[in-house]
Amino acid sequence: MLREPTELEIGEDGRLELPMGVPVEAGLNPRARIVAYSAGDGRIVLRRADDAMTELVATGSLT
């Protein structure tokens, strides 16, 4: 669970900047490979690439 919520804004170029504190809280380091996907209802999920691919192979879907 996110301990320090932060409001972000999607730029005119479609980019979103994520403060480093958020991935650090999730145990991610700079240059970590992640997968992003929509979970519906306005939610976006970021997962470690290795974890997401392992789950995709095991279950046939990302949840």
PDB file of N, CA and C in Angstrom:
ATOM      1  N   MET A   1       0.842  -1.179   0.000  1.00  0.00           N
ATOM      2  CA  MET A   1       0.000   0.000   0.000  1.00  0.00           C
ATOM      3  C   MET A   1       0.882   1.236   0.000  1.00  0.00           C
ATOM      4  N   LEU A   2       0.474   2.218  -0.768  1.00  0.00           N
ATOM      5  CA  LEU A   2       1.228   3.450  -0.904  1.00  0.00           C
ATOM      6  C   LEU A   2       1.144   4.252   0.387  1.00  0.00           C
ATOM      7  N   ARG A   3       2.290   4.547   0.982  1.00  0.00           N
ATOM      8  CA  ARG A   3       2.309   5.283   2.242  1.00  0.00           C
ATOM      9  C   ARG A   3       2.243   6.790   2.039  1.00  0.00           C
ATOM     10  N   GLU A   4       2.827   7.267   0.960  1.00  0.00           N
ATOM     11  CA  GLU A   4       2.882   8.699   0.691  1.00  0.00           C
ATOM     12  C   GLU A   4       2.207   8.990  -0.647  1.00  0.00           C
ATOM     13  N   PRO A   5       0.871   9.148  -0.653  1.00  0.00           N
ATOM     14  CA  PRO A   5       0.184   9.422  -1.920  1.00  0.00           C
ATOM     15  C   PRO A   5       0.688  10.714  -2.550  1.00  0.00           C
ATOM     16  N   THR A   6       0.717  10.737  -3.853  1.00  0.00           N
ATOM     17  CA  THR A   6       1.117  11.927  -4.581  1.00  0.00           C
ATOM     18  C   THR A   6       0.219  12.076  -5.795  1.00  0.00           C
ATOM     19  N   GLU A   7      -0.163  13.286  -6.090  1.00  0.00           N
ATOM     20  CA  GLU A   7      -0.995  13.540  -7.269  1.00  0.00           C
ATOM     21  C   GLU A   7      -0.080  13.800  -8.451  1.00  0.00           C
ATOM     22  N   LEU A   8      -0.366  13.153  -9.562  1.00  0.00           N
ATOM     23  CA  LEU A   8       0.438  13.284 -10.769  1.00  0.00           C
ATOM     24  C   LEU A   8      -0.404  13.888 -11.877  1.00  0.00           C
ATOM     25  N   GLU A   9       0.253  14.442 -12.872  1.00  0.00           N
ATOM     26  CA  GLU A   9      -0.447  15.001 -14.023  1.00  0.00           C
ATOM     27  C   GLU A   9       0.159  14.440 -15.294  1.00  0.00           C
ATOM     28  N   ILE A  10      -0.704  14.002 -16.201  1.00  0.00           N
ATOM     29  CA  ILE A  10      -0.238  13.534 -17.500  1.00  0.00           C
ATOM     30  C   ILE A  10       0.051  14.768 -18.344  1.00  0.00           C
ATOM     31  N   GLY A  11       1.271  14.853 -18.850  1.00  0.00           N
ATOM     32  CA  GLY A  11       1.681  16.020 -19.629  1.00  0.00           C
ATOM     33  C   GLY A  11       1.025  16.062 -20.995  1.00  0.00           C
ATOM     34  N   GLU A  12       1.121  17.210 -21.642  1.00  0.00           N
ATOM     35  CA  GLU A  12       0.554  17.388 -22.975  1.00  0.00           C
ATOM     36  C   GLU A  12       1.159  16.408 -23.970  1.00  0.00           C
ATOM     37  N   ASP A  13       2.380  15.952 -23.705  1.00  0.00           N
ATOM     38  CA  ASP A  13       3.038  14.986 -24.592  1.00  0.00           C
ATOM     39  C   ASP A  13       2.644  13.552 -24.260  1.00  0.00           C
ATOM     40  N   GLY A  14       1.745  13.364 -23.262  1.00  0.00           N
ATOM     41  CA  GLY A  14       1.280  12.026 -22.896  1.00  0.00           C
ATOM     42  C   GLY A  14       2.170  11.311 -21.902  1.00  0.00           C
ATOM     43  N   ARG A  15       3.183  11.995 -21.411  1.00  0.00           N
ATOM     44  CA  ARG A  15       4.097  11.375 -20.450  1.00  0.00           C
ATOM     45  C   ARG A  15       3.627  11.596 -19.021  1.00  0.00           C
ATOM     46  N   LEU A  16       3.985  10.658 -18.173  1.00  0.00           N
ATOM     47  CA  LEU A  16       3.659  10.725 -16.759  1.00  0.00           C
ATOM     48  C   LEU A  16       4.954  10.526 -15.989  1.00  0.00           C
ATOM     49  N   GLU A  17       5.286  11.466 -15.128  1.00  0.00           N
ATOM     50  CA  GLU A  17       6.491  11.351 -14.308  1.00  0.00           C
ATOM     51  C   GLU A  17       6.111  10.809 -12.946  1.00  0.00           C
ATOM     52  N   LEU A  18       6.786   9.766 -12.535  1.00  0.00           N
ATOM     53  CA  LEU A  18       6.523   9.107 -11.266  1.00  0.00           C
ATOM     54  C   LEU A  18       7.667   9.431 -10.307  1.00  0.00           C
ATOM     55  N   PRO A  19       7.389  10.070  -9.170  1.00  0.00           N
ATOM     56  CA  PRO A  19       8.462  10.375  -8.221  1.00  0.00           C
ATOM     57  C   PRO A  19       9.168   9.087  -7.778  1.00  0.00           C
ATOM     58  N   MET A  20      10.481   9.130  -7.647  1.00  0.00           N
ATOM     59  CA  MET A  20      11.271   7.938  -7.330  1.00  0.00           C
ATOM     60  C   MET A  20      10.856   7.298  -6.012  1.00  0.00           C
ATOM     61  N   GLY A  21      10.303   8.065  -5.082  1.00  0.00           N
ATOM     62  CA  GLY A  21       9.889   7.500  -3.809  1.00  0.00           C
ATOM     63  C   GLY A  21       8.840   6.409  -3.951  1.00  0.00           C
ATOM     64  N   VAL A  22       7.972   6.520  -4.966  1.00  0.00           N
ATOM     65  CA  VAL A  22       6.909   5.527  -5.159  1.00  0.00           C
ATOM     66  C   VAL A  22       7.501   4.165  -5.535  1.00  0.00           C
ATOM     67  N   PRO A  23       8.332   4.060  -6.588  1.00  0.00           N
ATOM     68  CA  PRO A  23       8.905   2.748  -6.892  1.00  0.00           C
ATOM     69  C   PRO A  23       9.850   2.236  -5.802  1.00  0.00           C
ATOM     70  N   VAL A  24      10.545   3.139  -5.113  1.00  0.00           N
ATOM     71  CA  VAL A  24      11.427   2.704  -4.033  1.00  0.00           C
ATOM     72  C   VAL A  24      10.615   2.025  -2.933  1.00  0.00           C
ATOM     73  N   GLU A  25       9.446   2.606  -2.572  1.00  0.00           N
ATOM     74  CA  GLU A  25       8.576   1.975  -1.573  1.00  0.00           C
ATOM     75  C   GLU A  25       8.135   0.587  -2.022  1.00  0.00           C
ATOM     76  N   ALA A  26       8.018   0.399  -3.342  1.00  0.00           N
ATOM     77  CA  ALA A  26       7.591  -0.888  -3.885  1.00  0.00           C
ATOM     78  C   ALA A  26       8.762  -1.850  -4.054  1.00  0.00           C
ATOM     79  N   GLY A  27       9.964  -1.427  -3.661  1.00  0.00           N
ATOM     80  CA  GLY A  27      11.129  -2.298  -3.766  1.00  0.00           C
ATOM     81  C   GLY A  27      11.783  -2.296  -5.132  1.00  0.00           C
ATOM     82  N   LEU A  28      11.524  -1.254  -5.923  1.00  0.00           N
ATOM     83  CA  LEU A  28      12.121  -1.156  -7.259  1.00  0.00           C
ATOM     84  C   LEU A  28      13.301  -0.196  -7.221  1.00  0.00           C
ATOM     85  N   ASN A  29      14.325  -0.530  -7.966  1.00  0.00           N
ATOM     86  CA  ASN A  29      15.532   0.295  -8.046  1.00  0.00           C
ATOM     87  C   ASN A  29      15.563   1.027  -9.378  1.00  0.00           C
ATOM     88  N   PRO A  30      16.369   2.082  -9.485  1.00  0.00           N
ATOM     89  CA  PRO A  30      16.528   2.736 -10.783  1.00  0.00           C
ATOM     90  C   PRO A  30      16.930   1.702 -11.838  1.00  0.00           C
ATOM     91  N   ARG A  31      16.392   1.847 -13.013  1.00  0.00           N
ATOM     92  CA  ARG A  31      16.636   0.986 -14.179  1.00  0.00           C
ATOM     93  C   ARG A  31      15.920  -0.363 -14.083  1.00  0.00           C
ATOM     94  N   ALA A  32      15.051  -0.537 -13.081  1.00  0.00           N
ATOM     95  CA  ALA A  32      14.263  -1.767 -12.986  1.00  0.00           C
ATOM     96  C   ALA A  32      13.333  -1.853 -14.195  1.00  0.00           C
ATOM     97  N   ARG A  33      13.120  -3.055 -14.693  1.00  0.00           N
ATOM     98  CA  ARG A  33      12.200  -3.270 -15.815  1.00  0.00           C
ATOM     99  C   ARG A  33      10.812  -3.515 -15.243  1.00  0.00           C
ATOM    100  N   ILE A  34       9.817  -2.752 -15.722  1.00  0.00           N
ATOM    101  CA  ILE A  34       8.450  -2.920 -15.249  1.00  0.00           C
ATOM    102  C   ILE A  34       7.503  -3.061 -16.435  1.00  0.00           C
ATOM    103  N   VAL A  35       6.334  -3.605 -16.157  1.00  0.00           N
ATOM    104  CA  VAL A  35       5.253  -3.732 -17.138  1.00  0.00           C
ATOM    105  C   VAL A  35       4.096  -2.886 -16.612  1.00  0.00           C
ATOM    106  N   ALA A  36       3.482  -2.100 -17.472  1.00  0.00           N
ATOM    107  CA  ALA A  36       2.331  -1.279 -17.093  1.00  0.00           C
ATOM    108  C   ALA A  36       1.124  -1.730 -17.903  1.00  0.00           C
ATOM    109  N   TYR A  37      -0.029  -1.825 -17.228  1.00  0.00           N
ATOM    110  CA  TYR A  37      -1.256  -2.158 -17.944  1.00  0.00           C
ATOM    111  C   TYR A  37      -2.452  -1.583 -17.202  1.00  0.00           C
ATOM    112  N   SER A  38      -3.544  -1.419 -17.928  1.00  0.00           N
ATOM    113  CA  SER A  38      -4.771  -0.896 -17.339  1.00  0.00           C
ATOM    114  C   SER A  38      -5.517  -2.023 -16.648  1.00  0.00           C
ATOM    115  N   ALA A  39      -5.985  -1.748 -15.433  1.00  0.00           N
ATOM    116  CA  ALA A  39      -6.801  -2.713 -14.692  1.00  0.00           C
ATOM    117  C   ALA A  39      -8.261  -2.267 -14.691  1.00  0.00           C
ATOM    118  N   GLY A  40      -8.604  -1.266 -15.491  1.00  0.00           N
ATOM    119  CA  GLY A  40      -9.972  -0.760 -15.573  1.00  0.00           C
ATOM    120  C   GLY A  40     -10.282   0.209 -14.448  1.00  0.00           C
ATOM    121  N   ASP A  41     -11.423   0.852 -14.535  1.00  0.00           N
ATOM    122  CA  ASP A  41     -11.878   1.789 -13.511  1.00  0.00           C
ATOM    123  C   ASP A  41     -10.856   2.864 -13.179  1.00  0.00           C
ATOM    124  N   GLY A  42     -10.057   3.276 -14.169  1.00  0.00           N
ATOM    125  CA  GLY A  42      -9.076   4.330 -13.946  1.00  0.00           C
ATOM    126  C   GLY A  42      -7.805   3.877 -13.250  1.00  0.00           C
ATOM    127  N   ARG A  43      -7.644   2.572 -13.059  1.00  0.00           N
ATOM    128  CA  ARG A  43      -6.449   2.060 -12.377  1.00  0.00           C
ATOM    129  C   ARG A  43      -5.399   1.623 -13.382  1.00  0.00           C
ATOM    130  N   ILE A  44      -4.157   1.946 -13.070  1.00  0.00           N
ATOM    131  CA  ILE A  44      -3.002   1.507 -13.851  1.00  0.00           C
ATOM    132  C   ILE A  44      -2.122   0.695 -12.919  1.00  0.00           C
ATOM    133  N   VAL A  45      -1.694  -0.467 -13.379  1.00  0.00           N
ATOM    134  CA  VAL A  45      -0.867  -1.361 -12.567  1.00  0.00           C
ATOM    135  C   VAL A  45       0.551  -1.346 -13.114  1.00  0.00           C
ATOM    136  N   LEU A  46       1.512  -1.222 -12.217  1.00  0.00           N
ATOM    137  CA  LEU A  46       2.932  -1.342 -12.562  1.00  0.00           C
ATOM    138  C   LEU A  46       3.460  -2.580 -11.848  1.00  0.00           C
ATOM    139  N   ARG A  47       4.084  -3.483 -12.583  1.00  0.00           N
ATOM    140  CA  ARG A  47       4.618  -4.717 -11.995  1.00  0.00           C
ATOM    141  C   ARG A  47       6.053  -4.916 -12.436  1.00  0.00           C
ATOM    142  N   ARG A  48       6.846  -5.569 -11.591  1.00  0.00           N
ATOM    143  CA  ARG A  48       8.184  -5.971 -12.027  1.00  0.00           C
ATOM    144  C   ARG A  48       8.005  -6.850 -13.260  1.00  0.00           C
ATOM    145  N   ALA A  49       8.790  -6.619 -14.286  1.00  0.00           N
ATOM    146  CA  ALA A  49       8.645  -7.369 -15.535  1.00  0.00           C
ATOM    147  C   ALA A  49       8.770  -8.874 -15.295  1.00  0.00           C
ATOM    148  N   ASP A  50       9.745  -9.297 -14.514  1.00  0.00           N
ATOM    149  CA  ASP A  50       9.929 -10.733 -14.264  1.00  0.00           C
ATOM    150  C   ASP A  50       8.716 -11.329 -13.557  1.00  0.00           C
ATOM    151  N   ASP A  51       8.185 -10.625 -12.549  1.00  0.00           N
ATOM    152  CA  ASP A  51       7.006 -11.116 -11.817  1.00  0.00           C
ATOM    153  C   ASP A  51       5.796 -11.202 -12.737  1.00  0.00           C
ATOM    154  N   ALA A  52       5.590 -10.175 -13.555  1.00  0.00           N
ATOM    155  CA  ALA A  52       4.433 -10.142 -14.448  1.00  0.00           C
ATOM    156  C   ALA A  52       4.508 -11.268 -15.473  1.00  0.00           C
ATOM    157  N   MET A  53       5.684 -11.500 -16.042  1.00  0.00           N
ATOM    158  CA  MET A  53       5.815 -12.552 -17.046  1.00  0.00           C
ATOM    159  C   MET A  53       5.649 -13.943 -16.427  1.00  0.00           C
ATOM    160  N   THR A  54       6.179 -14.126 -15.217  1.00  0.00           N
ATOM    161  CA  THR A  54       6.011 -15.403 -14.519  1.00  0.00           C
ATOM    162  C   THR A  54       4.533 -15.674 -14.268  1.00  0.00           C
ATOM    163  N   GLU A  55       3.800 -14.654 -13.813  1.00  0.00           N
ATOM    164  CA  GLU A  55       2.366 -14.812 -13.554  1.00  0.00           C
ATOM    165  C   GLU A  55       1.598 -15.057 -14.849  1.00  0.00           C
ATOM    166  N   LEU A  56       1.965 -14.351 -15.904  1.00  0.00           N
ATOM    167  CA  LEU A  56       1.291 -14.530 -17.187  1.00  0.00           C
ATOM    168  C   LEU A  56       1.434 -15.965 -17.691  1.00  0.00           C
ATOM    169  N   VAL A  57       2.630 -16.514 -17.569  1.00  0.00           N
ATOM    170  CA  VAL A  57       2.864 -17.887 -18.008  1.00  0.00           C
ATOM    171  C   VAL A  57       2.090 -18.869 -17.114  1.00  0.00           C
ATOM    172  N   ALA A  58       2.084 -18.635 -15.804  1.00  0.00           N
ATOM    173  CA  ALA A  58       1.449 -19.561 -14.864  1.00  0.00           C
ATOM    174  C   ALA A  58      -0.074 -19.547 -14.954  1.00  0.00           C
ATOM    175  N   THR A  59      -0.664 -18.344 -15.155  1.00  0.00           N
ATOM    176  CA  THR A  59      -2.118 -18.243 -15.091  1.00  0.00           C
ATOM    177  C   THR A  59      -2.766 -17.915 -16.428  1.00  0.00           C
ATOM    178  N   GLY A  60      -2.006 -17.449 -17.369  1.00  0.00           N
ATOM    179  CA  GLY A  60      -2.574 -17.053 -18.643  1.00  0.00           C
ATOM    180  C   GLY A  60      -3.113 -15.640 -18.659  1.00  0.00           C
ATOM    181  N   SER A  61      -2.953 -14.904 -17.534  1.00  0.00           N
ATOM    182  CA  SER A  61      -3.393 -13.510 -17.502  1.00  0.00           C
ATOM    183  C   SER A  61      -2.655 -12.750 -16.422  1.00  0.00           C
ATOM    184  N   LEU A  62      -2.656 -11.426 -16.562  1.00  0.00           N
ATOM    185  CA  LEU A  62      -2.069 -10.558 -15.550  1.00  0.00           C
ATOM    186  C   LEU A  62      -3.180 -10.060 -14.653  1.00  0.00           C
ATOM    187  N   THR A  63      -3.031 -10.223 -13.339  1.00  0.00           N
ATOM    188  CA  THR A  63      -4.045  -9.724 -12.419  1.00  0.00           C
ATOM    189  C   THR A  63      -3.408  -8.868 -11.355  1.00  0.00           C
TER     190      THR A  63
END
